[in-house]
Amino acid sequence: MQAVIIAGGQGTRLGALTREIPKPLVPVRGRPFLDHQLELLASQGIDRVVLCIGHLGEQIRDFVGDGSRWGLEAAYSEDGPVLLGTGGSLKKAAPLLEERFFMIWGDSYLLLNYGQVWQSFLASGSPGLMVVWRNQGQNEPSNVRLAGDKVASYDKWSPGPEYDCIDYGLSAFERSVLERIPAGQPYAIEQVFVDLAAAGELAAYVVGHPYFEIGSTAGLAELERYLMQQEGTQA
């Protein structure tokens, strides 16, 4: 399984923490977050990663190298002088992508069975799959409405009360989806979610527990607490 990690953002919500280092390298329990994330992905059977980098991306390249420290093969796609956003970065990485791949945010730590998600994606026959949590407005506003095993609609900006799920931070795509994204300009992957859902082409994989993320100081503290508890359990 191949995973694309979208890791080019500026991490502005973390303030001074990301002034001199990119968000994926923010320390968590004494180690860069990306160290934890790559360790988790490798433990789930992912063996190839593409890191879409932008803001201070050379630091990520220097830290990860060829990925062999985690038993991974690592490749890089760099935005260049203009940050391309989540969708634009994915489009630029197209030459490095396989026929099917995962996409994960560079600030997400997701505890689920990636192999089961992959098999669900393959069985769906859809060009895209979104992992969703039925959060019913917890943590953040819900932005996904389901219809059976499909995402019926996605609205990150002004969702109504009928929305009771939220995107979990892990998706799977066929390369054909990249044709929906214009080349060489900033573009949000959220618009691709909107278009796929409207066409009935976005499968859903529902999980029953919240995600961890370091996109905010509150999320960072929550992940710190979780990892500390795990260390205590294993001691």
Protein backbone atom coordinates (compact mmCIF):
# COMPACT_ATOMS: atom_id res chain seq x y z
CA MET A 1 0.00 0.00 0.00
CA GLN A 2 1.17 3.49 -0.86
CA ALA A 3 0.29 6.58 1.20
CA VAL A 4 0.59 10.23 0.21
CA ILE A 5 1.19 12.53 3.17
CA ILE A 6 0.07 16.13 2.62
CA ALA A 7 2.74 17.98 4.60
CA GLY A 8 3.23 21.34 2.90
CA GLY A 9 1.09 23.68 4.99
CA GLN A 10 2.33 26.48 7.20
CA GLY A 11 0.80 25.27 10.47
CA THR A 12 -0.29 28.77 11.48
CA ARG A 13 -2.66 27.55 14.22
CA LEU A 14 0.36 26.32 16.18
CA GLY A 15 1.85 29.81 16.34
CA ALA A 16 5.50 30.01 17.39
CA LEU A 17 5.89 26.21 17.30
CA THR A 18 5.99 26.28 13.49
CA ARG A 19 7.93 29.49 12.99
CA GLU A 20 11.19 27.65 12.31
CA ILE A 21 10.12 24.03 11.81
CA PRO A 22 7.34 22.53 9.66
CA LYS A 23 4.28 21.21 11.47
CA PRO A 24 5.08 17.50 10.89
CA LEU A 25 8.33 17.93 12.82
CA VAL A 26 6.75 19.52 15.91
CA PRO A 27 7.96 17.51 18.95
CA VAL A 28 5.50 15.07 20.51
CA ARG A 29 6.74 13.13 23.54
CA GLY A 30 10.30 14.11 22.66
CA ARG A 31 10.14 12.95 19.03
CA PRO A 32 9.06 14.71 15.84
CA PHE A 33 5.40 14.02 15.13
CA LEU A 34 6.31 12.60 11.72
CA ASP A 35 8.41 9.93 13.45
CA HIS A 36 5.28 8.72 15.28
CA GLN A 37 3.16 8.92 12.13
CA LEU A 38 5.57 6.98 9.90
CA GLU A 39 6.06 4.35 12.60
CA LEU A 40 2.27 3.89 12.76
CA LEU A 41 1.87 3.69 8.98
CA ALA A 42 4.66 1.12 8.66
CA SER A 43 3.08 -1.00 11.41
CA GLN A 44 -0.14 -1.05 9.37
CA GLY A 45 1.47 -2.51 6.25
CA ILE A 46 2.11 0.67 4.30
CA ASP A 47 5.55 0.38 2.72
CA ARG A 48 5.72 3.33 0.31
CA VAL A 49 5.11 6.99 1.13
CA VAL A 50 5.13 10.17 -0.93
CA LEU A 51 5.54 13.35 1.11
CA CYS A 52 4.05 16.47 -0.47
CA ILE A 53 6.18 19.22 1.03
CA GLY A 54 6.22 23.01 0.85
CA HIS A 55 6.76 25.24 3.87
CA LEU A 56 10.25 24.42 5.28
CA GLY A 57 10.03 21.17 3.35
CA GLU A 58 13.78 20.65 3.17
CA GLN A 59 13.71 19.87 6.90
CA ILE A 60 11.22 17.06 6.28
CA ARG A 61 13.37 15.68 3.47
CA ASP A 62 16.46 15.79 5.69
CA PHE A 63 14.66 14.03 8.56
CA VAL A 64 12.97 11.25 6.59
CA GLY A 65 15.63 10.60 3.97
CA ASP A 66 14.88 7.46 1.99
CA GLY A 67 12.47 6.19 4.67
CA SER A 68 14.48 3.07 5.44
CA ARG A 69 14.59 3.90 9.16
CA TRP A 70 10.90 2.92 9.27
CA GLY A 71 11.10 0.16 6.66
CA LEU A 72 9.56 2.48 4.08
CA GLU A 73 10.41 3.77 0.62
CA ALA A 74 10.06 7.55 0.70
CA ALA A 75 9.70 9.94 -2.25
CA TYR A 76 9.03 13.68 -2.34
CA SER A 77 6.94 16.13 -4.31
CA GLU A 78 7.73 19.79 -3.65
CA ASP A 79 5.27 22.63 -4.21
CA GLY A 80 7.90 25.14 -5.31
CA PRO A 81 7.69 28.92 -4.77
CA VAL A 82 3.86 28.93 -4.59
CA LEU A 83 2.09 26.69 -2.06
CA LEU A 84 -0.39 24.62 -4.05
CA GLY A 85 -2.82 23.65 -1.32
CA THR A 86 -3.99 20.14 -0.56
CA GLY A 87 -5.35 19.32 -3.99
CA GLY A 88 -2.69 21.14 -5.98
CA SER A 89 0.05 19.33 -4.06
CA LEU A 90 -1.57 15.98 -4.78
CA LYS A 91 -1.83 16.82 -8.49
CA LYS A 92 1.86 17.73 -8.67
CA ALA A 93 2.76 14.39 -7.08
CA ALA A 94 0.96 12.47 -9.86
CA PRO A 95 4.13 11.05 -11.51
CA LEU A 96 5.02 9.36 -8.19
CA LEU A 97 1.60 7.86 -7.51
CA GLU A 98 0.41 4.34 -8.14
CA GLU A 99 -2.94 3.36 -9.61
CA ARG A 100 -4.48 3.43 -6.11
CA PHE A 101 -3.18 5.15 -2.99
CA PHE A 102 -4.07 6.48 0.45
CA MET A 103 -4.00 10.18 1.25
CA ILE A 104 -3.43 11.31 4.84
CA TRP A 105 -2.92 14.72 6.38
CA GLY A 106 0.55 15.49 7.71
CA ASP A 107 -0.88 16.30 11.14
CA SER A 108 -3.10 13.21 11.60
CA TYR A 109 -2.44 10.22 13.86
CA LEU A 110 -5.15 7.71 13.00
CA LEU A 111 -5.71 4.48 14.91
CA LEU A 112 -7.59 2.11 12.62
CA ASN A 113 -6.99 -0.96 10.49
CA TYR A 114 -5.59 0.44 7.26
CA GLY A 115 -5.71 -2.96 5.56
CA GLN A 116 -9.46 -3.21 6.18
CA VAL A 117 -9.96 0.29 4.80
CA TRP A 118 -7.95 -0.66 1.70
CA GLN A 119 -10.02 -3.80 1.11
CA SER A 120 -13.22 -1.80 1.54
CA PHE A 121 -11.96 0.69 -1.05
CA LEU A 122 -11.15 -2.05 -3.55
CA ALA A 123 -14.53 -3.72 -3.01
CA SER A 124 -16.45 -0.45 -3.37
CA GLY A 125 -15.73 -0.01 -7.07
CA SER A 126 -15.62 3.74 -6.45
CA PRO A 127 -12.74 6.01 -7.52
CA GLY A 128 -12.62 7.50 -4.02
CA LEU A 129 -13.24 6.49 -0.42
CA MET A 130 -13.40 8.70 2.66
CA VAL A 131 -13.01 7.43 6.21
CA VAL A 132 -15.59 9.20 8.37
CA TRP A 133 -16.43 9.38 12.06
CA ARG A 134 -20.04 9.85 13.11
CA ASN A 135 -19.08 12.64 15.49
CA GLN A 136 -22.49 14.38 15.66
CA GLY A 137 -20.76 17.72 16.07
CA GLN A 138 -18.18 16.63 18.65
CA ASN A 139 -14.65 18.13 18.48
CA GLU A 140 -15.44 19.98 15.25
CA PRO A 141 -18.59 20.66 13.21
CA SER A 142 -19.78 17.69 11.15
CA ASN A 143 -19.24 18.10 7.41
CA VAL A 144 -20.32 14.77 5.89
CA ARG A 145 -23.79 13.37 5.16
CA LEU A 146 -24.05 9.66 4.38
CA ALA A 147 -26.48 7.69 2.25
CA GLY A 148 -25.90 3.99 2.83
CA ASP A 149 -22.26 3.19 2.15
CA LYS A 150 -21.62 6.41 0.19
CA VAL A 151 -20.88 10.01 1.07
CA ALA A 152 -24.02 11.77 -0.16
CA SER A 153 -22.60 15.26 0.31
CA TYR A 154 -19.59 17.01 1.79
CA ASP A 155 -19.66 20.60 3.03
CA LYS A 156 -16.75 21.94 5.06
CA TRP A 157 -17.92 25.53 4.91
CA SER A 158 -21.63 25.75 5.83
CA PRO A 159 -23.03 22.30 6.67
CA GLY A 160 -26.65 22.03 7.83
CA PRO A 161 -28.03 20.03 10.77
CA GLU A 162 -28.45 16.92 8.61
CA TYR A 163 -24.65 16.50 8.56
CA ASP A 164 -23.60 14.18 11.42
CA CYS A 165 -20.18 12.82 10.33
CA ILE A 166 -16.76 14.33 9.84
CA ASP A 167 -13.92 13.33 7.53
CA TYR A 168 -11.41 11.37 9.58
CA GLY A 169 -8.22 12.43 7.80
CA LEU A 170 -7.70 9.32 5.66
CA SER A 171 -8.94 8.85 2.10
CA ALA A 172 -8.17 6.49 -0.77
CA PHE A 173 -8.18 7.38 -4.45
CA GLU A 174 -7.67 6.03 -7.91
CA ARG A 175 -5.23 8.09 -9.98
CA SER A 176 -8.07 9.01 -12.34
CA VAL A 177 -9.38 11.36 -9.63
CA LEU A 178 -6.40 13.65 -10.24
CA GLU A 179 -7.90 14.59 -13.61
CA ARG A 180 -10.41 16.70 -11.67
CA ILE A 181 -7.61 18.92 -10.30
CA PRO A 182 -6.10 21.75 -12.40
CA ALA A 183 -2.32 21.62 -12.72
CA GLY A 184 0.12 24.20 -11.43
CA GLN A 185 -2.22 26.26 -9.28
CA PRO A 186 -3.54 26.23 -5.71
CA TYR A 187 -6.53 23.93 -5.31
CA ALA A 188 -8.32 22.39 -2.33
CA ILE A 189 -8.88 18.64 -2.16
CA GLU A 190 -12.17 19.46 -0.41
CA GLN A 191 -13.59 20.48 -3.79
CA VAL A 192 -12.74 17.01 -5.12
CA PHE A 193 -14.67 15.51 -2.19
CA VAL A 194 -17.65 17.71 -3.08
CA ASP A 195 -17.56 16.67 -6.74
CA LEU A 196 -17.12 12.94 -6.08
CA ALA A 197 -19.93 12.92 -3.52
CA ALA A 198 -22.27 14.76 -5.91
CA ALA A 199 -21.53 12.14 -8.58
CA GLY A 200 -22.15 9.23 -6.19
CA GLU A 201 -18.50 8.20 -6.52
CA LEU A 202 -17.22 8.63 -2.95
CA ALA A 203 -17.51 5.51 -0.80
CA ALA A 204 -17.59 5.80 2.99
CA TYR A 205 -15.81 3.80 5.69
CA VAL A 206 -17.28 4.60 9.11
CA VAL A 207 -15.24 4.41 12.32
CA GLY A 208 -16.59 4.69 15.84
CA HIS A 209 -13.90 6.66 17.63
CA PRO A 210 -12.29 10.10 17.35
CA TYR A 211 -9.01 10.89 15.62
CA PHE A 212 -5.82 12.45 16.94
CA GLU A 213 -4.27 15.46 15.22
CA ILE A 214 -1.66 18.12 15.95
CA GLY A 215 -3.17 20.91 13.86
CA SER A 216 -4.03 22.83 17.03
CA THR A 217 -2.46 23.21 20.45
CA ALA A 218 -5.43 21.38 21.99
CA GLY A 219 -5.00 18.48 19.58
CA LEU A 220 -1.28 18.37 20.26
CA ALA A 221 -1.88 18.17 24.01
CA GLU A 222 -4.47 15.41 23.53
CA LEU A 223 -2.07 13.28 21.50
CA GLU A 224 0.66 13.86 24.09
CA ARG A 225 -1.68 12.53 26.80
CA TYR A 226 -2.64 9.49 24.74
CA LEU A 227 0.97 8.54 23.95
CA MET A 228 1.95 9.02 27.58
CA GLN A 229 -0.81 6.63 28.63
CA GLN A 230 0.38 4.09 26.07
CA GLU A 231 3.93 4.33 27.36
CA GLY A 232 2.65 3.72 30.89
CA THR A 233 0.67 0.69 29.75
CA GLN A 234 3.68 -0.83 28.00
CA ALA A 235 6.11 -0.14 30.84
